[in-house]
Amino acid sequence: MLEIRDLQVFYGGIHALRGITLRVPRGSLVTLIGANGAGKSTTLRAVTGLVRPRSGSIRLEGQEIGSWPTHAIVRRGVALVPEGRRVFANLTVQENLVMGAYTQPEPSMAELFERVYRLFPRLSERRHQKAGTLSGGEQQMLAVGRALMSRPRLLCLDEPSLGLAPILAREVMEALASIHREGTTVLLVEQNARMALSMAEYAYVLETGRIVLEGPGPVLLENPQVRRAYLGERASR
């Protein structure tokens, strides 16, 4: 579904991505892990048109989209759940969801609401509540639900468990697993490397804008280098 080749991205004089190449097959769940500043979020921003690559290729279903505006990429079936949730605090839960569905025809709205409320029953209970009054976990659920309202075929998520209590993080990630099982392709950036690798069919490890390791998620989960660097385990004596 998604293929990135030799992607180079700069922020002014900062070389953020240094020639990364990766693939996200249709129907898969692929994760990117790495330290802060490794280039994970920049990769998602490039895929969704929020930053422009200096060079390289981003192909969605075989079509080059590296120079496309974000709204055109969304219409082609890509949605981003940004880091920090970024819900519309003064709008209700239901109004936030409507904002996510601007590309969809009116007759499909009831079906889209039903899907989101089935995945996140708590949002259904709070549908008339202002988003700014929700807990952090509920806001994250709303951010994911808002992205789903555009009916994406490729869902990109940036740190969905960041700042959440463990029980809420598990709830959000279980919903993500359900979304994937229903057929949505997922590209996940996640600071909880253990959780991400246990879910992912394939994973890439980024360091300072480069991919330094890749492989099936469960294989990388057992990799000594990954376990020392990202799972907090000490090297064996």
C-alpha atoms as a PDB file:
ATOM      1  CA  MET A   1       0.000   0.000   0.000  1.00  0.00           C
ATOM      2  CA  LEU A   2       2.757   2.440   0.972  1.00  0.00           C
ATOM      3  CA  GLU A   3       6.325   2.486  -0.287  1.00  0.00           C
ATOM      4  CA  ILE A   4       8.964   5.024   0.738  1.00  0.00           C
ATOM      5  CA  ARG A   5      12.326   5.119  -1.035  1.00  0.00           C
ATOM      6  CA  ASP A   6      15.433   7.131  -0.100  1.00  0.00           C
ATOM      7  CA  LEU A   7      13.397   9.832   1.642  1.00  0.00           C
ATOM      8  CA  GLN A   8      15.282  12.990   2.590  1.00  0.00           C
ATOM      9  CA  VAL A   9      13.589  15.635   4.751  1.00  0.00           C
ATOM     10  CA  PHE A  10      15.078  18.848   6.155  1.00  0.00           C
ATOM     11  CA  TYR A  11      13.818  21.388   8.683  1.00  0.00           C
ATOM     12  CA  GLY A  12      15.885  24.381   7.634  1.00  0.00           C
ATOM     13  CA  GLY A  13      19.457  23.225   8.160  1.00  0.00           C
ATOM     14  CA  ILE A  14      18.455  20.155  10.184  1.00  0.00           C
ATOM     15  CA  HIS A  15      18.643  16.903   8.230  1.00  0.00           C
ATOM     16  CA  ALA A  16      15.698  15.033   9.800  1.00  0.00           C
ATOM     17  CA  LEU A  17      15.413  12.006   7.491  1.00  0.00           C
ATOM     18  CA  ARG A  18      18.534  10.663   5.835  1.00  0.00           C
ATOM     19  CA  GLY A  19      17.434   8.379   3.038  1.00  0.00           C
ATOM     20  CA  ILE A  20      14.962   6.036   4.703  1.00  0.00           C
ATOM     21  CA  THR A  21      13.313   3.241   2.725  1.00  0.00           C
ATOM     22  CA  LEU A  22      10.372   1.225   4.027  1.00  0.00           C
ATOM     23  CA  ARG A  23       7.235  -0.611   2.942  1.00  0.00           C
ATOM     24  CA  VAL A  24       3.784  -0.981   4.482  1.00  0.00           C
ATOM     25  CA  PRO A  25       1.939  -3.862   2.772  1.00  0.00           C
ATOM     26  CA  ARG A  26      -1.827  -3.705   2.413  1.00  0.00           C
ATOM     27  CA  GLY A  27      -3.581  -5.039   5.495  1.00  0.00           C
ATOM     28  CA  SER A  28      -0.450  -5.022   7.672  1.00  0.00           C
ATOM     29  CA  LEU A  29       0.436  -3.340  10.955  1.00  0.00           C
ATOM     30  CA  VAL A  30       3.913  -1.810  10.726  1.00  0.00           C
ATOM     31  CA  THR A  31       5.596   0.105  13.536  1.00  0.00           C
ATOM     32  CA  LEU A  32       8.438   2.619  13.756  1.00  0.00           C
ATOM     33  CA  ILE A  33      10.375   2.769  17.028  1.00  0.00           C
ATOM     34  CA  GLY A  34      13.302   4.894  18.115  1.00  0.00           C
ATOM     35  CA  ALA A  35      14.396   7.577  20.531  1.00  0.00           C
ATOM     36  CA  ASN A  36      13.030  11.121  20.538  1.00  0.00           C
ATOM     37  CA  GLY A  37      14.343  12.995  17.506  1.00  0.00           C
ATOM     38  CA  ALA A  38      14.983   9.828  15.499  1.00  0.00           C
ATOM     39  CA  GLY A  39      12.631  10.901  12.690  1.00  0.00           C
ATOM     40  CA  LYS A  40       9.537   8.832  13.440  1.00  0.00           C
ATOM     41  CA  SER A  41       7.032  11.691  13.530  1.00  0.00           C
ATOM     42  CA  THR A  42       8.698  13.347  10.549  1.00  0.00           C
ATOM     43  CA  THR A  43       8.095  10.169   8.548  1.00  0.00           C
ATOM     44  CA  LEU A  44       4.364  10.302   9.324  1.00  0.00           C
ATOM     45  CA  ARG A  45       4.247  14.014   8.544  1.00  0.00           C
ATOM     46  CA  ALA A  46       5.885  13.397   5.176  1.00  0.00           C
ATOM     47  CA  VAL A  47       3.437  10.593   4.340  1.00  0.00           C
ATOM     48  CA  THR A  48       0.473  12.841   5.144  1.00  0.00           C
ATOM     49  CA  GLY A  49       1.785  15.911   3.317  1.00  0.00           C
ATOM     50  CA  LEU A  50       2.527  18.045   6.373  1.00  0.00           C
ATOM     51  CA  VAL A  51       6.204  18.350   5.423  1.00  0.00           C
ATOM     52  CA  ARG A  52       7.716  18.301   1.938  1.00  0.00           C
ATOM     53  CA  PRO A  53      10.585  15.915   1.185  1.00  0.00           C
ATOM     54  CA  ARG A  54      13.773  17.378  -0.262  1.00  0.00           C
ATOM     55  CA  SER A  55      14.100  14.223  -2.377  1.00  0.00           C
ATOM     56  CA  GLY A  56      13.022  10.603  -2.506  1.00  0.00           C
ATOM     57  CA  SER A  57       9.716   8.926  -3.235  1.00  0.00           C
ATOM     58  CA  ILE A  58       6.471   8.318  -1.334  1.00  0.00           C
ATOM     59  CA  ARG A  59       4.117   6.040  -3.272  1.00  0.00           C
ATOM     60  CA  LEU A  60       0.585   5.185  -2.171  1.00  0.00           C
ATOM     61  CA  GLU A  61      -0.875   2.230  -4.036  1.00  0.00           C
ATOM     62  CA  GLY A  62       1.715   2.821  -6.748  1.00  0.00           C
ATOM     63  CA  GLN A  63       1.052   6.566  -7.148  1.00  0.00           C
ATOM     64  CA  GLU A  64       3.613   9.213  -6.162  1.00  0.00           C
ATOM     65  CA  ILE A  65       2.125  11.498  -3.460  1.00  0.00           C
ATOM     66  CA  GLY A  66       5.249  13.224  -2.122  1.00  0.00           C
ATOM     67  CA  SER A  67       4.201  16.618  -3.502  1.00  0.00           C
ATOM     68  CA  TRP A  68       0.467  16.297  -2.811  1.00  0.00           C
ATOM     69  CA  PRO A  69      -1.363  18.571  -0.338  1.00  0.00           C
ATOM     70  CA  THR A  70      -2.698  16.953   2.799  1.00  0.00           C
ATOM     71  CA  HIS A  71      -6.373  17.220   1.860  1.00  0.00           C
ATOM     72  CA  ALA A  72      -5.748  15.287  -1.367  1.00  0.00           C
ATOM     73  CA  ILE A  73      -3.910  12.552   0.547  1.00  0.00           C
ATOM     74  CA  VAL A  74      -6.796  12.272   3.012  1.00  0.00           C
ATOM     75  CA  ARG A  75      -9.221  11.875   0.113  1.00  0.00           C
ATOM     76  CA  ARG A  76      -7.053   9.009  -1.163  1.00  0.00           C
ATOM     77  CA  GLY A  77      -7.612   7.150   2.103  1.00  0.00           C
ATOM     78  CA  VAL A  78      -4.826   8.203   4.495  1.00  0.00           C
ATOM     79  CA  ALA A  79      -5.526   9.588   7.982  1.00  0.00           C
ATOM     80  CA  LEU A  80      -3.215  10.754  10.767  1.00  0.00           C
ATOM     81  CA  VAL A  81      -3.808  10.625  14.513  1.00  0.00           C
ATOM     82  CA  PRO A  82      -1.312  13.288  15.626  1.00  0.00           C
ATOM     83  CA  GLU A  83       0.818  13.268  18.736  1.00  0.00           C
ATOM     84  CA  GLY A  84      -0.881  15.197  21.524  1.00  0.00           C
ATOM     85  CA  ARG A  85      -4.435  14.362  20.324  1.00  0.00           C
ATOM     86  CA  ARG A  86      -5.237  17.910  19.147  1.00  0.00           C
ATOM     87  CA  VAL A  87      -8.981  17.611  19.547  1.00  0.00           C
ATOM     88  CA  PHE A  88     -11.187  20.681  19.130  1.00  0.00           C
ATOM     89  CA  ALA A  89     -11.640  21.483  22.817  1.00  0.00           C
ATOM     90  CA  ASN A  90     -14.668  23.771  22.441  1.00  0.00           C
ATOM     91  CA  LEU A  91     -16.604  21.319  20.265  1.00  0.00           C
ATOM     92  CA  THR A  92     -18.531  18.312  21.541  1.00  0.00           C
ATOM     93  CA  VAL A  93     -17.376  14.754  20.970  1.00  0.00           C
ATOM     94  CA  GLN A  94     -19.903  14.327  18.162  1.00  0.00           C
ATOM     95  CA  GLU A  95     -18.919  17.631  16.534  1.00  0.00           C
ATOM     96  CA  ASN A  96     -15.250  16.557  16.601  1.00  0.00           C
ATOM     97  CA  LEU A  97     -16.220  13.342  14.838  1.00  0.00           C
ATOM     98  CA  VAL A  98     -18.160  15.266  12.205  1.00  0.00           C
ATOM     99  CA  MET A  99     -15.014  17.315  11.515  1.00  0.00           C
ATOM    100  CA  GLY A 100     -13.209  14.084  10.680  1.00  0.00           C
ATOM    101  CA  ALA A 101     -15.863  13.077   8.157  1.00  0.00           C
ATOM    102  CA  TYR A 102     -15.680  16.073   5.829  1.00  0.00           C
ATOM    103  CA  THR A 103     -14.628  13.870   2.898  1.00  0.00           C
ATOM    104  CA  GLN A 104     -17.547  11.478   3.374  1.00  0.00           C
ATOM    105  CA  PRO A 105     -21.058  11.668   1.878  1.00  0.00           C
ATOM    106  CA  GLU A 106     -23.898  12.500   4.266  1.00  0.00           C
ATOM    107  CA  PRO A 107     -25.663   9.097   3.927  1.00  0.00           C
ATOM    108  CA  SER A 108     -22.637   7.273   5.366  1.00  0.00           C
ATOM    109  CA  MET A 109     -22.460   9.324   8.578  1.00  0.00           C
ATOM    110  CA  ALA A 110     -24.692   7.061  10.676  1.00  0.00           C
ATOM    111  CA  GLU A 111     -22.573   4.029   9.776  1.00  0.00           C
ATOM    112  CA  LEU A 112     -19.357   5.881  10.641  1.00  0.00           C
ATOM    113  CA  PHE A 113     -20.699   7.032  14.008  1.00  0.00           C
ATOM    114  CA  GLU A 114     -21.829   3.484  14.781  1.00  0.00           C
ATOM    115  CA  ARG A 115     -18.348   2.092  14.118  1.00  0.00           C
ATOM    116  CA  VAL A 116     -16.594   4.668  16.309  1.00  0.00           C
ATOM    117  CA  TYR A 117     -19.056   4.296  19.162  1.00  0.00           C
ATOM    118  CA  ARG A 118     -18.792   0.502  18.976  1.00  0.00           C
ATOM    119  CA  LEU A 119     -15.001   0.720  19.291  1.00  0.00           C
ATOM    120  CA  PHE A 120     -15.152   3.384  21.999  1.00  0.00           C
ATOM    121  CA  PRO A 121     -18.400   3.082  24.008  1.00  0.00           C
ATOM    122  CA  ARG A 122     -17.161   5.803  26.358  1.00  0.00           C
ATOM    123  CA  LEU A 123     -17.359   8.312  23.490  1.00  0.00           C
ATOM    124  CA  SER A 124     -20.982   7.376  22.904  1.00  0.00           C
ATOM    125  CA  GLU A 125     -21.736   8.119  26.557  1.00  0.00           C
ATOM    126  CA  ARG A 126     -20.056  11.518  26.220  1.00  0.00           C
ATOM    127  CA  ARG A 127     -21.153  12.445  22.702  1.00  0.00           C
ATOM    128  CA  HIS A 128     -22.638  15.784  23.825  1.00  0.00           C
ATOM    129  CA  GLN A 129     -19.757  16.662  26.167  1.00  0.00           C
ATOM    130  CA  LYS A 130     -17.127  19.257  25.218  1.00  0.00           C
ATOM    131  CA  ALA A 131     -13.913  17.543  24.139  1.00  0.00           C
ATOM    132  CA  GLY A 132     -11.807  19.800  26.358  1.00  0.00           C
ATOM    133  CA  THR A 133     -13.465  18.326  29.452  1.00  0.00           C
ATOM    134  CA  LEU A 134     -12.557  14.724  28.602  1.00  0.00           C
ATOM    135  CA  SER A 135      -9.736  12.830  30.283  1.00  0.00           C
ATOM    136  CA  GLY A 136      -6.490  12.310  28.386  1.00  0.00           C
ATOM    137  CA  GLY A 137      -7.435   8.748  27.524  1.00  0.00           C
ATOM    138  CA  GLU A 138     -10.870   9.791  26.288  1.00  0.00           C
ATOM    139  CA  GLN A 139      -9.312  12.525  24.152  1.00  0.00           C
ATOM    140  CA  GLN A 140      -7.000   9.935  22.596  1.00  0.00           C
ATOM    141  CA  MET A 141      -9.988   7.737  21.817  1.00  0.00           C
ATOM    142  CA  LEU A 142     -11.649  10.753  20.232  1.00  0.00           C
ATOM    143  CA  ALA A 143      -8.562  11.530  18.130  1.00  0.00           C
ATOM    144  CA  VAL A 144      -8.546   7.959  16.807  1.00  0.00           C
ATOM    145  CA  GLY A 145     -12.299   8.032  16.228  1.00  0.00           C
ATOM    146  CA  ARG A 146     -12.062  11.334  14.360  1.00  0.00           C
ATOM    147  CA  ALA A 147      -9.464   9.818  12.015  1.00  0.00           C
ATOM    148  CA  LEU A 148     -11.673   6.779  11.430  1.00  0.00           C
ATOM    149  CA  MET A 149     -14.525   9.056  10.312  1.00  0.00           C
ATOM    150  CA  SER A 150     -12.655   9.666   7.039  1.00  0.00           C
ATOM    151  CA  ARG A 151     -12.842   5.905   6.373  1.00  0.00           C
ATOM    152  CA  PRO A 152      -9.061   5.520   5.947  1.00  0.00           C
ATOM    153  CA  ARG A 153      -7.431   2.574   4.254  1.00  0.00           C
ATOM    154  CA  LEU A 154      -4.095   3.602   5.813  1.00  0.00           C
ATOM    155  CA  LEU A 155      -4.216   4.845   9.401  1.00  0.00           C
ATOM    156  CA  CYS A 156      -1.077   6.579  10.732  1.00  0.00           C
ATOM    157  CA  LEU A 157      -0.780   7.035  14.490  1.00  0.00           C
ATOM    158  CA  ASP A 158       1.812   9.113  16.322  1.00  0.00           C
ATOM    159  CA  GLU A 159       2.404   8.018  19.933  1.00  0.00           C
ATOM    160  CA  PRO A 160      -1.180   6.992  20.786  1.00  0.00           C
ATOM    161  CA  SER A 161      -0.296   5.743  24.294  1.00  0.00           C
ATOM    162  CA  LEU A 162       1.876   8.735  25.274  1.00  0.00           C
ATOM    163  CA  GLY A 163       0.916  10.158  28.654  1.00  0.00           C
ATOM    164  CA  LEU A 164      -1.855   7.648  29.318  1.00  0.00           C
ATOM    165  CA  ALA A 165      -2.298   5.493  32.397  1.00  0.00           C
ATOM    166  CA  PRO A 166      -1.459   1.848  31.623  1.00  0.00           C
ATOM    167  CA  ILE A 167      -5.085   0.684  31.692  1.00  0.00           C
ATOM    168  CA  LEU A 168      -6.153   3.411  29.240  1.00  0.00           C
ATOM    169  CA  ALA A 169      -3.136   2.775  27.030  1.00  0.00           C
ATOM    170  CA  ARG A 170      -4.131  -0.884  26.797  1.00  0.00           C
ATOM    171  CA  GLU A 171      -7.707   0.086  25.948  1.00  0.00           C
ATOM    172  CA  VAL A 172      -6.563   2.351  23.107  1.00  0.00           C
ATOM    173  CA  MET A 173      -4.140  -0.254  21.761  1.00  0.00           C
ATOM    174  CA  GLU A 174      -6.771  -2.996  21.932  1.00  0.00           C
ATOM    175  CA  ALA A 175      -9.066  -0.787  19.853  1.00  0.00           C
ATOM    176  CA  LEU A 176      -6.208  -0.267  17.397  1.00  0.00           C
ATOM    177  CA  ALA A 177      -5.735  -4.038  17.114  1.00  0.00           C
ATOM    178  CA  SER A 178      -9.458  -4.372  16.399  1.00  0.00           C
ATOM    179  CA  ILE A 179      -9.260  -1.675  13.689  1.00  0.00           C
ATOM    180  CA  HIS A 180      -6.413  -3.602  12.088  1.00  0.00           C
ATOM    181  CA  ARG A 181      -8.296  -6.912  12.254  1.00  0.00           C
ATOM    182  CA  GLU A 182     -11.191  -5.269  10.437  1.00  0.00           C
ATOM    183  CA  GLY A 183      -8.870  -4.611   7.478  1.00  0.00           C
ATOM    184  CA  THR A 184      -7.361  -1.157   7.967  1.00  0.00           C
ATOM    185  CA  THR A 185      -3.636  -0.916   7.210  1.00  0.00           C
ATOM    186  CA  VAL A 186      -1.786   0.677  10.158  1.00  0.00           C
ATOM    187  CA  LEU A 187       1.512   2.579  10.386  1.00  0.00           C
ATOM    188  CA  LEU A 188       2.240   3.081  14.075  1.00  0.00           C
ATOM    189  CA  VAL A 189       4.789   5.293  15.838  1.00  0.00           C
ATOM    190  CA  GLU A 190       4.836   4.296  19.493  1.00  0.00           C
ATOM    191  CA  GLN A 191       7.120   5.101  22.450  1.00  0.00           C
ATOM    192  CA  ASN A 192       6.136   1.873  24.219  1.00  0.00           C
ATOM    193  CA  ALA A 193       8.449  -0.334  22.171  1.00  0.00           C
ATOM    194  CA  ARG A 194       7.444  -3.574  23.888  1.00  0.00           C
ATOM    195  CA  MET A 195       3.770  -3.016  23.164  1.00  0.00           C
ATOM    196  CA  ALA A 196       4.404  -1.866  19.581  1.00  0.00           C
ATOM    197  CA  LEU A 197       6.695  -4.769  18.671  1.00  0.00           C
ATOM    198  CA  SER A 198       4.335  -7.329  20.180  1.00  0.00           C
ATOM    199  CA  MET A 199       1.541  -6.028  17.927  1.00  0.00           C
ATOM    200  CA  ALA A 200       3.469  -5.353  14.723  1.00  0.00           C
ATOM    201  CA  GLU A 201       3.915  -7.751  11.840  1.00  0.00           C
ATOM    202  CA  TYR A 202       6.979  -5.769  10.790  1.00  0.00           C
ATOM    203  CA  ALA A 203       9.029  -3.040  12.444  1.00  0.00           C
ATOM    204  CA  TYR A 204      11.710  -0.487  11.667  1.00  0.00           C
ATOM    205  CA  VAL A 205      14.146   1.015  14.171  1.00  0.00           C
ATOM    206  CA  LEU A 206      15.156   4.630  13.453  1.00  0.00           C
ATOM    207  CA  GLU A 207      18.219   6.422  14.812  1.00  0.00           C
ATOM    208  CA  THR A 208      19.052  10.031  13.838  1.00  0.00           C
ATOM    209  CA  GLY A 209      17.040   9.887  10.643  1.00  0.00           C
ATOM    210  CA  ARG A 210      18.225   6.474   9.453  1.00  0.00           C
ATOM    211  CA  ILE A 211      16.801   2.967   9.628  1.00  0.00           C
ATOM    212  CA  VAL A 212      19.322   0.870  11.526  1.00  0.00           C
ATOM    213  CA  LEU A 213      17.319  -2.327  12.060  1.00  0.00           C
ATOM    214  CA  GLU A 214      14.218  -3.908  10.571  1.00  0.00           C
ATOM    215  CA  GLY A 215      12.382  -7.202  10.767  1.00  0.00           C
ATOM    216  CA  PRO A 216       9.233  -8.915  12.054  1.00  0.00           C
ATOM    217  CA  GLY A 217       8.022  -7.329  15.273  1.00  0.00           C
ATOM    218  CA  PRO A 218       8.346 -10.471  17.422  1.00  0.00           C
ATOM    219  CA  VAL A 219      11.887 -11.050  16.111  1.00  0.00           C
ATOM    220  CA  LEU A 220      13.011  -7.515  16.981  1.00  0.00           C
ATOM    221  CA  LEU A 221      11.369  -7.912  20.373  1.00  0.00           C
ATOM    222  CA  GLU A 222      13.955 -10.606  21.110  1.00  0.00           C
ATOM    223  CA  ASN A 223      16.886  -8.723  19.549  1.00  0.00           C
ATOM    224  CA  PRO A 224      19.525  -7.994  22.252  1.00  0.00           C
ATOM    225  CA  GLN A 225      20.340  -4.571  20.780  1.00  0.00           C
ATOM    226  CA  VAL A 226      16.681  -3.558  20.798  1.00  0.00           C
ATOM    227  CA  ARG A 227      16.134  -4.957  24.277  1.00  0.00           C
ATOM    228  CA  ARG A 228      19.057  -2.956  25.669  1.00  0.00           C
ATOM    229  CA  ALA A 229      18.247   0.300  23.864  1.00  0.00           C
ATOM    230  CA  TYR A 230      14.432   0.381  24.000  1.00  0.00           C
ATOM    231  CA  LEU A 231      13.231  -2.116  26.588  1.00  0.00           C
ATOM    232  CA  GLY A 232      15.524  -1.029  29.404  1.00  0.00           C
ATOM    233  CA  GLU A 233      17.372  -4.322  29.732  1.00  0.00           C
ATOM    234  CA  ARG A 234      21.048  -4.472  30.663  1.00  0.00           C
ATOM    235  CA  ALA A 235      23.552  -6.347  28.586  1.00  0.00           C
ATOM    236  CA  SER A 236      24.223  -9.815  29.942  1.00  0.00           C
ATOM    237  CA  ARG A 237      27.540 -10.288  31.691  1.00  0.00           C
END
